[in-house]
Amino acid sequence: MAFGKILKYLFGGFSAESKEAPSEPIEYKEFTIEAAPIDEGGKFRTAGYISGELDGETKRIQFIRADENADRQAAIDHSISKGRQIIDEQGASLLNKSRL
């Protein structure tokens, strides 16, 4: 993914993967939300996964937002809130995407 390497070079090593395990799953409107904030050197970027059933298959979609928090627990809480917002706005159509 060349574009990702360019971003990494320009912004000093941003990684779209959390080094820590996702939080405990939260059930919301037939979906599962897992908060997975990304540690960016002392700040935590809002991120996580939303899972749901599509045509009998479980799909897991990653979301990453620009929001940052000073501590991990605040980032987990915010990631869950953003996951709920995404579900409310997009519903089942979000499962047709690979990344949000």
C-alpha atoms as a PDB file:
ATOM      1  CA  MET A   1       0.000   0.000   0.000  1.00  0.00           C
ATOM      2  CA  ALA A   2       2.155   2.842  -1.294  1.00  0.00           C
ATOM      3  CA  PHE A   3      -0.102   5.648  -0.076  1.00  0.00           C
ATOM      4  CA  GLY A   4       0.156   4.355   3.497  1.00  0.00           C
ATOM      5  CA  LYS A   5       3.952   4.345   3.280  1.00  0.00           C
ATOM      6  CA  ILE A   6       3.893   7.945   2.081  1.00  0.00           C
ATOM      7  CA  LEU A   7       1.714   8.966   5.031  1.00  0.00           C
ATOM      8  CA  LYS A   8       4.026   7.119   7.401  1.00  0.00           C
ATOM      9  CA  TYR A   9       7.021   8.942   5.992  1.00  0.00           C
ATOM     10  CA  LEU A  10       5.325  12.344   6.119  1.00  0.00           C
ATOM     11  CA  PHE A  11       3.794  12.044   9.572  1.00  0.00           C
ATOM     12  CA  GLY A  12       6.478  10.180  11.448  1.00  0.00           C
ATOM     13  CA  GLY A  13       5.367   6.600  11.775  1.00  0.00           C
ATOM     14  CA  PHE A  14       1.586   6.623  12.130  1.00  0.00           C
ATOM     15  CA  SER A  15       0.365   3.050  12.233  1.00  0.00           C
ATOM     16  CA  ALA A  16      -3.217   2.028  11.509  1.00  0.00           C
ATOM     17  CA  GLU A  17      -2.835  -0.989  13.773  1.00  0.00           C
ATOM     18  CA  SER A  18      -3.195  -0.872  17.532  1.00  0.00           C
ATOM     19  CA  LYS A  19      -0.390  -2.648  19.391  1.00  0.00           C
ATOM     20  CA  GLU A  20      -2.787  -3.548  22.195  1.00  0.00           C
ATOM     21  CA  ALA A  21      -5.678  -5.980  22.052  1.00  0.00           C
ATOM     22  CA  PRO A  22      -9.118  -4.493  21.373  1.00  0.00           C
ATOM     23  CA  SER A  23     -11.394  -3.823  24.347  1.00  0.00           C
ATOM     24  CA  GLU A  24     -14.096  -6.211  25.451  1.00  0.00           C
ATOM     25  CA  PRO A  25     -16.786  -6.347  22.752  1.00  0.00           C
ATOM     26  CA  ILE A  26     -19.926  -4.243  23.226  1.00  0.00           C
ATOM     27  CA  GLU A  27     -23.213  -5.347  21.629  1.00  0.00           C
ATOM     28  CA  TYR A  28     -25.220  -2.569  19.953  1.00  0.00           C
ATOM     29  CA  LYS A  29     -28.187  -2.947  17.563  1.00  0.00           C
ATOM     30  CA  GLU A  30     -27.177  -6.401  16.255  1.00  0.00           C
ATOM     31  CA  PHE A  31     -23.545  -5.270  15.835  1.00  0.00           C
ATOM     32  CA  THR A  32     -20.443  -5.751  17.950  1.00  0.00           C
ATOM     33  CA  ILE A  33     -18.105  -2.836  18.675  1.00  0.00           C
ATOM     34  CA  GLU A  34     -14.507  -3.343  19.821  1.00  0.00           C
ATOM     35  CA  ALA A  35     -12.541  -0.244  20.774  1.00  0.00           C
ATOM     36  CA  ALA A  36      -8.895  -0.414  19.638  1.00  0.00           C
ATOM     37  CA  PRO A  37      -7.342   3.011  20.206  1.00  0.00           C
ATOM     38  CA  ILE A  38      -4.033   3.606  18.453  1.00  0.00           C
ATOM     39  CA  ASP A  39      -1.166   4.740  20.690  1.00  0.00           C
ATOM     40  CA  GLU A  40       0.596   7.630  19.008  1.00  0.00           C
ATOM     41  CA  GLY A  41       3.314   8.434  21.494  1.00  0.00           C
ATOM     42  CA  GLY A  42       1.309   9.425  24.535  1.00  0.00           C
ATOM     43  CA  LYS A  43      -1.981  10.247  22.808  1.00  0.00           C
ATOM     44  CA  PHE A  44      -4.560   7.709  21.720  1.00  0.00           C
ATOM     45  CA  ARG A  45      -6.377   7.969  18.390  1.00  0.00           C
ATOM     46  CA  THR A  46     -10.035   6.928  18.303  1.00  0.00           C
ATOM     47  CA  ALA A  47     -10.252   3.591  16.478  1.00  0.00           C
ATOM     48  CA  GLY A  48     -11.912   0.220  16.621  1.00  0.00           C
ATOM     49  CA  TYR A  49     -13.830  -2.498  14.828  1.00  0.00           C
ATOM     50  CA  ILE A  50     -17.497  -3.034  14.061  1.00  0.00           C
ATOM     51  CA  SER A  51     -18.687  -6.570  13.341  1.00  0.00           C
ATOM     52  CA  GLY A  52     -21.993  -7.827  12.042  1.00  0.00           C
ATOM     53  CA  GLU A  53     -23.675 -10.458   9.883  1.00  0.00           C
ATOM     54  CA  LEU A  54     -23.955  -9.932   6.128  1.00  0.00           C
ATOM     55  CA  ASP A  55     -25.420 -12.723   3.980  1.00  0.00           C
ATOM     56  CA  GLY A  56     -24.704 -15.299   6.690  1.00  0.00           C
ATOM     57  CA  GLU A  57     -21.066 -14.239   7.048  1.00  0.00           C
ATOM     58  CA  THR A  58     -19.547 -12.240   9.902  1.00  0.00           C
ATOM     59  CA  LYS A  59     -17.840  -9.090   8.625  1.00  0.00           C
ATOM     60  CA  ARG A  60     -15.380  -7.058  10.732  1.00  0.00           C
ATOM     61  CA  ILE A  61     -14.756  -3.472   9.620  1.00  0.00           C
ATOM     62  CA  GLN A  62     -12.062  -1.170  11.030  1.00  0.00           C
ATOM     63  CA  PHE A  63     -12.717   2.507  11.727  1.00  0.00           C
ATOM     64  CA  ILE A  64     -10.155   5.206  12.524  1.00  0.00           C
ATOM     65  CA  ARG A  65     -10.986   8.794  13.411  1.00  0.00           C
ATOM     66  CA  ALA A  66      -8.880  11.927  13.852  1.00  0.00           C
ATOM     67  CA  ASP A  67      -9.955  12.395  17.488  1.00  0.00           C
ATOM     68  CA  GLU A  68      -7.270  11.938  20.150  1.00  0.00           C
ATOM     69  CA  ASN A  69      -7.440  11.447  23.925  1.00  0.00           C
ATOM     70  CA  ALA A  70      -4.778  11.810  26.600  1.00  0.00           C
ATOM     71  CA  ASP A  71      -5.427   8.436  28.218  1.00  0.00           C
ATOM     72  CA  ARG A  72      -6.331   5.012  26.878  1.00  0.00           C
ATOM     73  CA  GLN A  73      -9.576   4.540  28.836  1.00  0.00           C
ATOM     74  CA  ALA A  74     -10.953   7.868  27.550  1.00  0.00           C
ATOM     75  CA  ALA A  75     -10.018   6.749  24.030  1.00  0.00           C
ATOM     76  CA  ILE A  76     -11.807   3.416  24.557  1.00  0.00           C
ATOM     77  CA  ASP A  77     -14.952   5.201  25.727  1.00  0.00           C
ATOM     78  CA  HIS A  78     -14.787   7.621  22.795  1.00  0.00           C
ATOM     79  CA  SER A  79     -14.173   4.796  20.294  1.00  0.00           C
ATOM     80  CA  ILE A  80     -17.268   2.958  21.528  1.00  0.00           C
ATOM     81  CA  SER A  81     -19.290   6.162  21.240  1.00  0.00           C
ATOM     82  CA  LYS A  82     -18.034   6.698  17.665  1.00  0.00           C
ATOM     83  CA  GLY A  83     -18.831   3.075  16.819  1.00  0.00           C
ATOM     84  CA  ARG A  84     -22.414   3.582  17.957  1.00  0.00           C
ATOM     85  CA  GLN A  85     -22.629   6.797  15.921  1.00  0.00           C
ATOM     86  CA  ILE A  86     -21.372   5.013  12.796  1.00  0.00           C
ATOM     87  CA  ILE A  87     -23.962   2.252  13.262  1.00  0.00           C
ATOM     88  CA  ASP A  88     -26.748   4.790  13.795  1.00  0.00           C
ATOM     89  CA  GLU A  89     -25.751   6.734  10.659  1.00  0.00           C
ATOM     90  CA  GLN A  90     -24.945   3.880   8.273  1.00  0.00           C
ATOM     91  CA  GLY A  91     -26.782   0.826   9.541  1.00  0.00           C
ATOM     92  CA  ALA A  92     -26.170  -2.489   7.778  1.00  0.00           C
ATOM     93  CA  SER A  93     -24.688  -0.755   4.710  1.00  0.00           C
ATOM     94  CA  LEU A  94     -21.442  -0.234   6.642  1.00  0.00           C
ATOM     95  CA  LEU A  95     -20.756  -3.974   6.300  1.00  0.00           C
ATOM     96  CA  ASN A  96     -20.336  -3.542   2.539  1.00  0.00           C
ATOM     97  CA  LYS A  97     -17.142  -1.535   3.144  1.00  0.00           C
ATOM     98  CA  SER A  98     -13.661  -2.731   4.006  1.00  0.00           C
ATOM     99  CA  ARG A  99     -12.718   0.301   6.122  1.00  0.00           C
ATOM    100  CA  LEU A 100     -14.626   3.273   7.516  1.00  0.00           C
END
